[in-house]
N, C-alpha and C. Protein backbone atom coordinates (compact mmCIF):
# COMPACT_ATOMS: atom_id res chain seq x y z
N MET A 1 30.93 71.34 87.79
CA MET A 1 31.22 70.20 88.13
C MET A 1 30.57 69.93 89.44
N ILE A 2 29.89 70.88 90.00
CA ILE A 2 28.96 70.40 91.43
C ILE A 2 28.01 69.40 91.06
N GLU A 3 27.15 69.62 89.81
CA GLU A 3 26.04 68.59 89.46
C GLU A 3 26.67 67.31 89.31
N HIS A 4 27.84 66.91 89.12
CA HIS A 4 28.44 65.70 89.05
C HIS A 4 28.88 65.03 90.03
N LEU A 5 28.81 65.66 91.24
CA LEU A 5 29.43 65.09 92.41
C LEU A 5 28.32 64.50 93.28
N PRO A 6 28.58 63.18 93.81
CA PRO A 6 27.53 62.69 94.66
C PRO A 6 27.52 63.30 96.03
N ASP A 7 28.51 64.00 96.55
CA ASP A 7 28.69 64.81 97.88
C ASP A 7 29.57 65.86 97.64
N PRO A 8 28.89 67.01 97.03
CA PRO A 8 29.51 68.19 96.71
C PRO A 8 30.10 68.91 97.94
N ALA A 9 29.39 68.74 99.14
CA ALA A 9 29.79 69.16 100.44
C ALA A 9 31.22 68.93 100.81
N ARG A 10 31.36 67.76 100.60
CA ARG A 10 32.81 66.99 101.03
C ARG A 10 33.93 67.84 100.00
N THR A 11 33.56 67.96 98.66
CA THR A 11 34.52 68.66 97.75
C THR A 11 34.74 70.15 98.26
N LEU A 12 33.61 70.86 98.41
CA LEU A 12 33.79 72.14 98.76
C LEU A 12 34.33 72.42 99.99
N GLN A 13 34.12 71.37 101.11
CA GLN A 13 34.83 71.53 102.45
C GLN A 13 36.35 71.64 102.16
N ALA A 14 36.68 70.41 101.18
CA ALA A 14 38.33 70.36 101.03
C ALA A 14 38.80 71.51 100.48
N ALA A 15 38.01 72.10 99.57
CA ALA A 15 38.33 73.28 98.88
C ALA A 15 38.74 74.46 99.70
N SER A 16 37.74 74.59 100.68
CA SER A 16 37.77 75.62 101.74
C SER A 16 39.04 75.39 102.74
N ARG A 17 39.27 74.18 103.17
CA ARG A 17 40.49 73.99 103.95
C ARG A 17 41.69 74.40 103.20
N LEU A 18 41.71 74.14 102.02
CA LEU A 18 43.11 74.50 101.02
C LEU A 18 43.16 76.04 100.83
N LEU A 19 41.98 76.69 100.77
CA LEU A 19 42.04 77.95 100.46
C LEU A 19 42.53 78.94 101.62
N ARG A 20 43.19 79.96 101.34
CA ARG A 20 43.67 80.95 102.16
C ARG A 20 42.53 81.79 102.53
N PRO A 21 42.53 82.34 103.63
CA PRO A 21 41.25 83.40 103.84
C PRO A 21 41.26 84.37 102.85
N GLY A 22 40.10 84.76 102.34
CA GLY A 22 40.11 85.61 101.10
C GLY A 22 40.04 84.90 99.72
N GLY A 23 40.25 83.70 99.70
CA GLY A 23 40.42 82.94 98.54
C GLY A 23 39.02 82.53 97.81
N TRP A 24 39.03 82.34 96.59
CA TRP A 24 37.66 82.14 95.88
C TRP A 24 37.54 80.81 95.25
N VAL A 25 36.23 80.33 95.23
CA VAL A 25 35.84 79.23 94.42
C VAL A 25 34.96 79.89 93.47
N VAL A 26 35.01 79.33 92.07
CA VAL A 26 33.92 79.88 91.10
C VAL A 26 33.65 78.71 90.58
N ALA A 27 32.26 78.56 90.28
CA ALA A 27 31.40 77.23 89.90
C ALA A 27 30.56 77.57 88.87
N LEU A 28 30.54 76.99 87.71
CA LEU A 28 29.57 77.12 86.63
C LEU A 28 28.63 75.89 86.89
N VAL A 29 27.40 76.08 87.07
CA VAL A 29 26.38 74.97 87.31
C VAL A 29 25.14 75.28 86.78
N PRO A 30 24.45 73.99 86.11
CA PRO A 30 23.17 74.23 85.68
C PRO A 30 22.26 74.49 86.92
N VAL A 31 21.24 75.32 86.66
CA VAL A 31 20.50 75.63 87.84
C VAL A 31 19.15 75.29 87.73
N LEU A 32 18.45 74.71 88.69
CA LEU A 32 17.00 74.01 88.67
C LEU A 32 16.06 74.99 88.57
N THR A 33 16.25 76.45 88.85
CA THR A 33 15.40 77.45 88.52
C THR A 33 15.42 78.08 87.21
N GLY A 34 16.18 77.44 86.17
CA GLY A 34 16.43 77.88 84.80
C GLY A 34 15.01 77.77 84.11
N TRP A 35 15.45 78.35 82.97
CA TRP A 35 14.32 78.20 81.74
C TRP A 35 13.85 77.10 81.51
N GLU A 36 14.72 75.77 81.70
CA GLU A 36 14.09 74.54 81.28
C GLU A 36 13.19 74.07 82.28
N THR A 37 13.31 74.23 83.72
CA THR A 37 12.46 73.92 84.53
C THR A 37 11.20 74.58 84.58
N ARG A 38 11.27 75.80 84.36
CA ARG A 38 10.13 76.76 84.26
C ARG A 38 9.30 76.42 83.32
N TRP A 39 9.53 76.02 81.98
CA TRP A 39 8.67 75.78 81.00
C TRP A 39 8.37 74.30 80.72
N GLY A 40 7.91 73.78 81.52
CA GLY A 40 7.63 72.19 81.58
C GLY A 40 8.34 71.51 80.91
N ARG A 41 9.75 71.71 81.18
CA ARG A 41 10.67 70.60 80.60
C ARG A 41 10.83 70.48 79.26
N LEU A 42 10.18 71.76 78.37
CA LEU A 42 10.11 71.61 76.98
C LEU A 42 11.46 71.04 76.36
N PHE A 43 12.66 71.56 76.99
CA PHE A 43 13.80 71.52 76.25
C PHE A 43 14.72 70.70 77.31
N TRP A 44 14.32 69.82 77.99
CA TRP A 44 15.16 69.15 78.88
C TRP A 44 15.92 67.87 78.33
N SER A 45 16.09 67.85 77.06
CA SER A 45 16.50 66.71 76.32
C SER A 45 18.09 66.67 76.74
N HIS A 46 18.96 67.62 76.87
CA HIS A 46 20.27 67.54 77.27
C HIS A 46 20.40 67.14 78.60
N GLN A 47 19.58 67.70 79.37
CA GLN A 47 19.58 67.35 80.82
C GLN A 47 19.30 65.77 81.00
N ILE A 48 18.47 65.37 80.20
CA ILE A 48 18.28 63.88 80.31
C ILE A 48 19.21 63.13 79.76
N HIS A 49 20.14 63.48 78.82
CA HIS A 49 21.09 62.70 78.15
C HIS A 49 22.20 63.05 79.22
N GLU A 50 22.40 63.92 80.05
CA GLU A 50 23.44 64.04 80.97
C GLU A 50 22.98 63.10 82.25
N ALA A 51 21.75 62.84 82.31
CA ALA A 51 21.31 62.07 83.56
C ALA A 51 22.34 61.16 84.54
N PRO A 52 22.96 60.21 83.86
CA PRO A 52 24.06 59.47 84.38
C PRO A 52 24.93 60.28 85.06
N ARG A 53 25.30 61.45 84.40
CA ARG A 53 26.40 62.36 85.09
C ARG A 53 25.87 63.26 85.95
N HIS A 54 24.83 63.82 85.71
CA HIS A 54 24.31 64.82 86.75
C HIS A 54 23.37 64.34 87.62
N VAL A 55 24.19 64.31 88.92
CA VAL A 55 23.61 64.05 90.12
C VAL A 55 22.56 64.59 90.90
N GLY A 56 22.77 66.18 90.72
CA GLY A 56 21.86 66.74 91.32
C GLY A 56 21.97 68.25 90.65
N LEU A 57 20.88 69.01 90.45
CA LEU A 57 20.71 70.42 90.03
C LEU A 57 20.25 71.23 91.07
N PRO A 58 21.16 72.00 91.75
CA PRO A 58 20.90 73.16 92.60
C PRO A 58 20.26 74.23 92.39
N SER A 59 19.34 74.96 93.21
CA SER A 59 19.03 76.34 92.96
C SER A 59 19.96 77.37 93.31
N PRO A 60 19.72 78.59 92.83
CA PRO A 60 20.66 79.49 93.57
C PRO A 60 20.87 79.51 95.08
N GLU A 61 19.61 79.50 95.49
CA GLU A 61 19.55 79.29 97.16
C GLU A 61 20.16 78.21 97.64
N GLY A 62 20.02 77.13 96.82
CA GLY A 62 20.66 75.66 97.37
C GLY A 62 22.25 75.82 97.34
N MET A 63 22.64 76.75 96.28
CA MET A 63 24.22 76.86 96.19
C MET A 63 24.58 77.74 97.37
N ARG A 64 23.99 78.69 97.82
CA ARG A 64 24.19 79.61 98.75
C ARG A 64 24.28 78.72 100.28
N ARG A 65 23.41 77.93 100.35
CA ARG A 65 23.35 77.15 101.61
C ARG A 65 24.56 76.10 101.36
N LEU A 66 24.80 75.65 100.42
CA LEU A 66 25.90 74.86 100.27
C LEU A 66 27.26 75.23 100.61
N PHE A 67 27.37 76.40 99.93
CA PHE A 67 28.72 77.03 100.18
C PHE A 67 28.73 77.38 101.88
N ALA A 68 27.92 77.91 102.39
CA ALA A 68 27.79 78.52 103.82
C ALA A 68 27.98 77.21 104.53
N ARG A 69 27.46 76.05 104.17
CA ARG A 69 27.87 74.61 105.13
C ARG A 69 29.45 74.38 104.98
N CYS A 70 29.96 74.85 104.00
CA CYS A 70 31.33 74.55 103.68
C CYS A 70 32.34 75.77 104.00
N GLY A 71 31.86 76.71 104.69
CA GLY A 71 32.56 77.69 105.38
C GLY A 71 33.00 78.69 104.35
N LEU A 72 32.17 78.69 103.20
CA LEU A 72 32.34 79.86 102.03
C LEU A 72 31.28 80.89 102.08
N GLU A 73 31.37 81.79 101.52
CA GLU A 73 30.30 82.88 101.42
C GLU A 73 29.95 83.18 100.16
N LEU A 74 28.76 83.04 99.59
CA LEU A 74 28.34 83.23 98.31
C LEU A 74 28.47 84.82 98.05
N ARG A 75 29.45 85.21 97.28
CA ARG A 75 29.33 86.96 97.26
C ARG A 75 28.57 87.39 95.88
N ARG A 76 28.32 86.52 94.92
CA ARG A 76 27.47 86.75 93.93
C ARG A 76 27.26 85.67 92.86
N TRP A 77 26.27 85.72 92.18
CA TRP A 77 25.99 84.66 91.02
C TRP A 77 25.48 85.45 89.87
N GLU A 78 25.67 84.83 88.67
CA GLU A 78 25.12 85.67 87.67
C GLU A 78 24.83 84.58 86.47
N GLY A 79 23.74 84.67 85.47
CA GLY A 79 23.58 83.75 84.42
C GLY A 79 24.80 83.59 83.71
N ASN A 80 24.93 82.42 83.04
CA ASN A 80 26.07 82.08 82.19
C ASN A 80 25.84 82.99 80.88
N HIS A 81 27.10 83.03 80.07
CA HIS A 81 27.13 83.84 79.05
C HIS A 81 26.19 83.68 77.82
N LEU A 82 25.60 84.62 77.39
CA LEU A 82 24.54 84.54 76.28
C LEU A 82 24.81 83.65 75.47
N LEU A 83 26.21 83.60 74.71
CA LEU A 83 26.22 82.59 73.66
C LEU A 83 26.25 81.08 74.19
N ASP A 84 26.83 81.01 75.52
CA ASP A 84 26.82 79.58 76.02
C ASP A 84 25.27 79.17 76.27
N GLU A 85 24.31 80.17 76.91
CA GLU A 85 22.78 79.80 77.05
C GLU A 85 22.43 79.33 75.69
N ALA A 86 22.88 80.17 74.54
CA ALA A 86 22.15 79.62 73.23
C ALA A 86 22.77 78.45 72.70
N GLY A 87 23.99 78.23 72.98
CA GLY A 87 24.35 76.71 72.86
C GLY A 87 23.55 75.74 73.40
N ILE A 88 23.41 75.91 74.66
CA ILE A 88 22.65 74.82 75.51
C ILE A 88 21.11 74.77 75.10
N ILE A 89 20.72 75.90 74.56
CA ILE A 89 19.26 75.62 73.93
C ILE A 89 19.43 74.87 72.56
N ALA A 90 20.49 75.16 71.85
CA ALA A 90 20.62 74.35 70.56
C ALA A 90 20.89 73.00 70.92
N LEU A 91 21.69 72.48 71.90
CA LEU A 91 21.73 71.26 72.22
C LEU A 91 20.69 70.64 72.75
N SER A 92 19.82 71.22 73.45
CA SER A 92 18.57 70.86 73.89
C SER A 92 17.42 70.43 72.87
N VAL A 93 17.33 71.40 71.79
CA VAL A 93 16.69 71.11 70.79
C VAL A 93 17.13 70.23 69.81
N PHE A 94 18.46 69.90 69.60
CA PHE A 94 19.12 69.10 68.61
C PHE A 94 20.23 68.27 69.40
N PRO A 95 20.01 67.15 70.22
CA PRO A 95 21.03 66.58 70.86
C PRO A 95 22.17 66.00 70.10
N PRO A 96 21.99 65.49 68.96
CA PRO A 96 23.04 65.01 68.05
C PRO A 96 24.09 65.92 67.65
N SER A 97 23.91 67.21 67.89
CA SER A 97 25.05 68.07 67.40
C SER A 97 26.08 68.24 68.63
N ALA A 98 25.80 67.55 69.70
CA ALA A 98 26.86 67.31 70.82
C ALA A 98 28.12 66.85 70.23
N SER A 99 29.23 67.26 70.67
CA SER A 99 30.59 66.91 70.12
C SER A 99 30.84 65.29 70.27
N ALA A 100 30.42 65.01 71.47
CA ALA A 100 30.54 63.40 71.50
C ALA A 100 29.80 62.56 70.55
N VAL A 101 28.47 62.89 70.62
CA VAL A 101 27.39 62.39 69.54
C VAL A 101 27.94 62.53 68.03
N ALA A 102 28.14 63.81 67.66
CA ALA A 102 28.64 64.09 66.32
C ALA A 102 29.70 63.43 65.92
N CYS A 103 30.87 63.24 66.68
CA CYS A 103 32.05 62.76 66.27
C CYS A 103 31.97 61.14 66.36
N ALA A 104 31.07 60.72 67.02
CA ALA A 104 30.72 59.25 66.82
C ALA A 104 30.09 58.70 65.65
N SER A 105 29.47 59.83 64.84
CA SER A 105 28.89 59.43 63.52
C SER A 105 29.80 58.77 62.70
N ALA A 106 29.31 57.63 61.82
CA ALA A 106 30.09 56.73 61.11
C ALA A 106 30.89 57.47 59.89
N SER A 107 29.98 58.55 59.24
CA SER A 107 30.78 59.30 58.05
C SER A 107 31.20 60.57 58.51
N PRO A 108 32.14 61.27 57.99
CA PRO A 108 32.47 62.72 57.94
C PRO A 108 31.41 63.50 57.61
N PHE A 109 30.62 63.29 56.53
CA PHE A 109 29.69 64.10 56.28
C PHE A 109 28.71 64.27 57.20
N ALA A 110 28.02 63.04 57.81
CA ALA A 110 27.03 63.13 59.10
C ALA A 110 27.68 64.06 60.14
N ARG A 111 28.80 63.84 60.60
CA ARG A 111 29.64 64.47 61.53
C ARG A 111 29.26 66.07 61.20
N GLY A 112 29.82 66.35 59.99
CA GLY A 112 29.71 67.74 59.50
C GLY A 112 28.33 68.53 59.60
N VAL A 113 27.28 67.50 59.19
CA VAL A 113 25.98 68.15 58.95
C VAL A 113 25.53 68.26 60.31
N ARG A 114 25.81 67.53 61.33
CA ARG A 114 25.37 67.54 62.71
C ARG A 114 25.91 68.80 63.47
N ARG A 115 27.14 68.88 63.04
CA ARG A 115 27.84 70.25 63.81
C ARG A 115 27.45 71.56 63.26
N VAL A 116 27.17 71.57 61.83
CA VAL A 116 26.50 72.73 61.12
C VAL A 116 24.93 73.10 61.72
N VAL A 117 24.23 71.91 61.74
CA VAL A 117 23.04 72.30 62.28
C VAL A 117 22.97 72.59 63.85
N GLY A 118 23.81 72.42 64.66
CA GLY A 118 23.98 72.76 65.90
C GLY A 118 24.47 74.14 66.07
N ALA A 119 25.69 74.48 64.81
CA ALA A 119 25.91 75.99 64.79
C ALA A 119 24.86 76.89 64.39
N MET A 120 23.91 76.65 63.55
CA MET A 120 22.81 77.32 63.01
C MET A 120 21.76 77.48 64.11
N LEU A 121 21.45 76.54 64.74
CA LEU A 121 20.48 76.58 65.94
C LEU A 121 20.92 77.40 67.02
N THR A 122 22.46 77.37 67.18
CA THR A 122 22.81 78.28 68.32
C THR A 122 22.52 79.70 67.81
N LEU A 123 22.92 80.15 66.64
CA LEU A 123 22.60 81.31 66.18
C LEU A 123 21.36 81.80 66.23
N PHE A 124 20.30 80.95 65.74
CA PHE A 124 18.97 81.30 66.19
C PHE A 124 18.45 81.35 67.32
N ALA A 125 19.38 80.75 68.32
CA ALA A 125 18.63 81.03 69.67
C ALA A 125 19.18 81.97 70.46
N ILE A 126 20.01 82.92 69.76
CA ILE A 126 20.64 83.93 70.49
C ILE A 126 19.59 84.95 71.06
N PRO A 127 18.51 85.36 70.33
CA PRO A 127 17.53 86.28 70.83
C PRO A 127 16.83 85.38 71.97
N LEU A 128 16.40 84.17 71.97
CA LEU A 128 15.82 83.60 72.81
C LEU A 128 16.64 83.51 74.40
N ALA A 129 17.90 83.29 74.12
CA ALA A 129 18.76 83.31 75.16
C ALA A 129 18.90 84.75 75.86
N ALA A 130 18.82 85.56 74.95
CA ALA A 130 19.04 87.03 75.55
C ALA A 130 17.75 87.29 76.26
N PHE A 131 16.47 86.97 75.75
CA PHE A 131 15.25 87.01 76.44
C PHE A 131 15.25 86.37 77.70
N LEU A 132 15.52 85.17 77.99
CA LEU A 132 15.51 84.37 79.09
C LEU A 132 16.49 84.96 80.00
N HIS A 133 17.69 85.17 79.64
CA HIS A 133 18.61 85.90 80.51
C HIS A 133 18.04 87.15 81.27
N ARG A 134 17.44 87.84 80.40
CA ARG A 134 16.95 89.35 81.17
C ARG A 134 15.66 88.93 81.86
N ALA A 135 15.13 87.97 81.49
CA ALA A 135 13.80 87.68 82.29
C ALA A 135 14.18 86.82 83.62
N GLY A 136 15.56 86.49 83.69
CA GLY A 136 15.83 86.09 85.01
C GLY A 136 15.94 84.56 84.96
N TYR A 137 15.80 83.92 83.72
CA TYR A 137 15.66 82.29 83.76
C TYR A 137 17.16 81.60 83.10
N PRO A 138 18.11 81.86 83.59
CA PRO A 138 19.27 81.32 82.93
C PRO A 138 19.46 79.85 83.11
N GLY A 139 19.83 78.84 82.17
CA GLY A 139 20.00 77.62 82.30
C GLY A 139 20.84 77.12 83.21
N SER A 140 21.92 78.07 83.20
CA SER A 140 22.95 77.72 84.09
C SER A 140 23.62 79.04 84.67
N ALA A 141 24.27 78.99 85.89
CA ALA A 141 24.83 80.18 86.48
C ALA A 141 26.21 79.94 86.95
N VAL A 142 27.05 81.31 86.98
CA VAL A 142 28.26 81.24 87.54
C VAL A 142 28.21 81.72 89.03
N PHE A 143 28.86 80.88 89.88
CA PHE A 143 28.72 81.25 91.33
C PHE A 143 30.00 81.75 91.81
N PHE A 144 30.27 82.86 92.63
CA PHE A 144 31.41 83.11 93.14
C PHE A 144 31.24 83.13 94.74
N ALA A 145 32.02 82.27 95.32
CA ALA A 145 32.02 82.22 96.69
C ALA A 145 33.60 82.37 97.33
N GLN A 146 33.76 82.99 98.48
CA GLN A 146 34.81 83.50 99.01
C GLN A 146 35.04 82.92 100.44
N LYS A 147 36.35 82.22 100.77
CA LYS A 147 36.48 82.02 102.11
C LYS A 147 36.62 83.40 102.91
N PRO A 148 35.84 83.63 103.85
CA PRO A 148 36.04 84.74 104.76
C PRO A 148 37.23 85.09 104.95
N SER A 149 37.70 86.29 105.21
CA SER A 149 39.05 86.74 105.87
C SER A 149 39.01 86.66 107.26
N GLU A 150 40.21 86.68 108.10
CA GLU A 150 40.08 86.37 109.52
C GLU A 150 39.30 87.48 110.20
N THR A 151 39.16 88.62 109.67
CA THR A 151 38.48 89.73 110.24
C THR A 151 36.85 89.56 110.08
N GLU A 152 36.30 88.74 109.16
CA GLU A 152 34.93 88.49 108.70
C GLU A 152 34.37 87.48 109.64
N ARG A 153 35.25 86.57 110.16
CA ARG A 153 34.80 85.43 110.93
C ARG A 153 34.35 85.87 112.29
């Protein structure tokens, strides 16, 4: 959700105020240092389609600084799940397979074809997603930040 907010710090500061010491914030965010930005925006189509909704794409270091500004400590981050990454690759290669686009198709046949193509591309993308994940280029990442306990302050 961070990438959709015009002022993510305001939202995270509010979350920090609501959290008890030791409480967690978990965020799944597309990352600027991911494979799409590394390789010449070859597969940036899903990000372009998301442009009206994606206000910003942070880097892992940017997320650490954002959490710190909001009174939270980034404890760790990791690349998104392999199958999710494969789905992102498939969506980037064939944007019409996205649910909103496929379901807007006039005929049930066209909807079905688009969804099947998306599913097949996802399966074919699993080896590439595995390689990118191991190489350290996830397209999105899960961030785990914690409000410090009273003793850590």
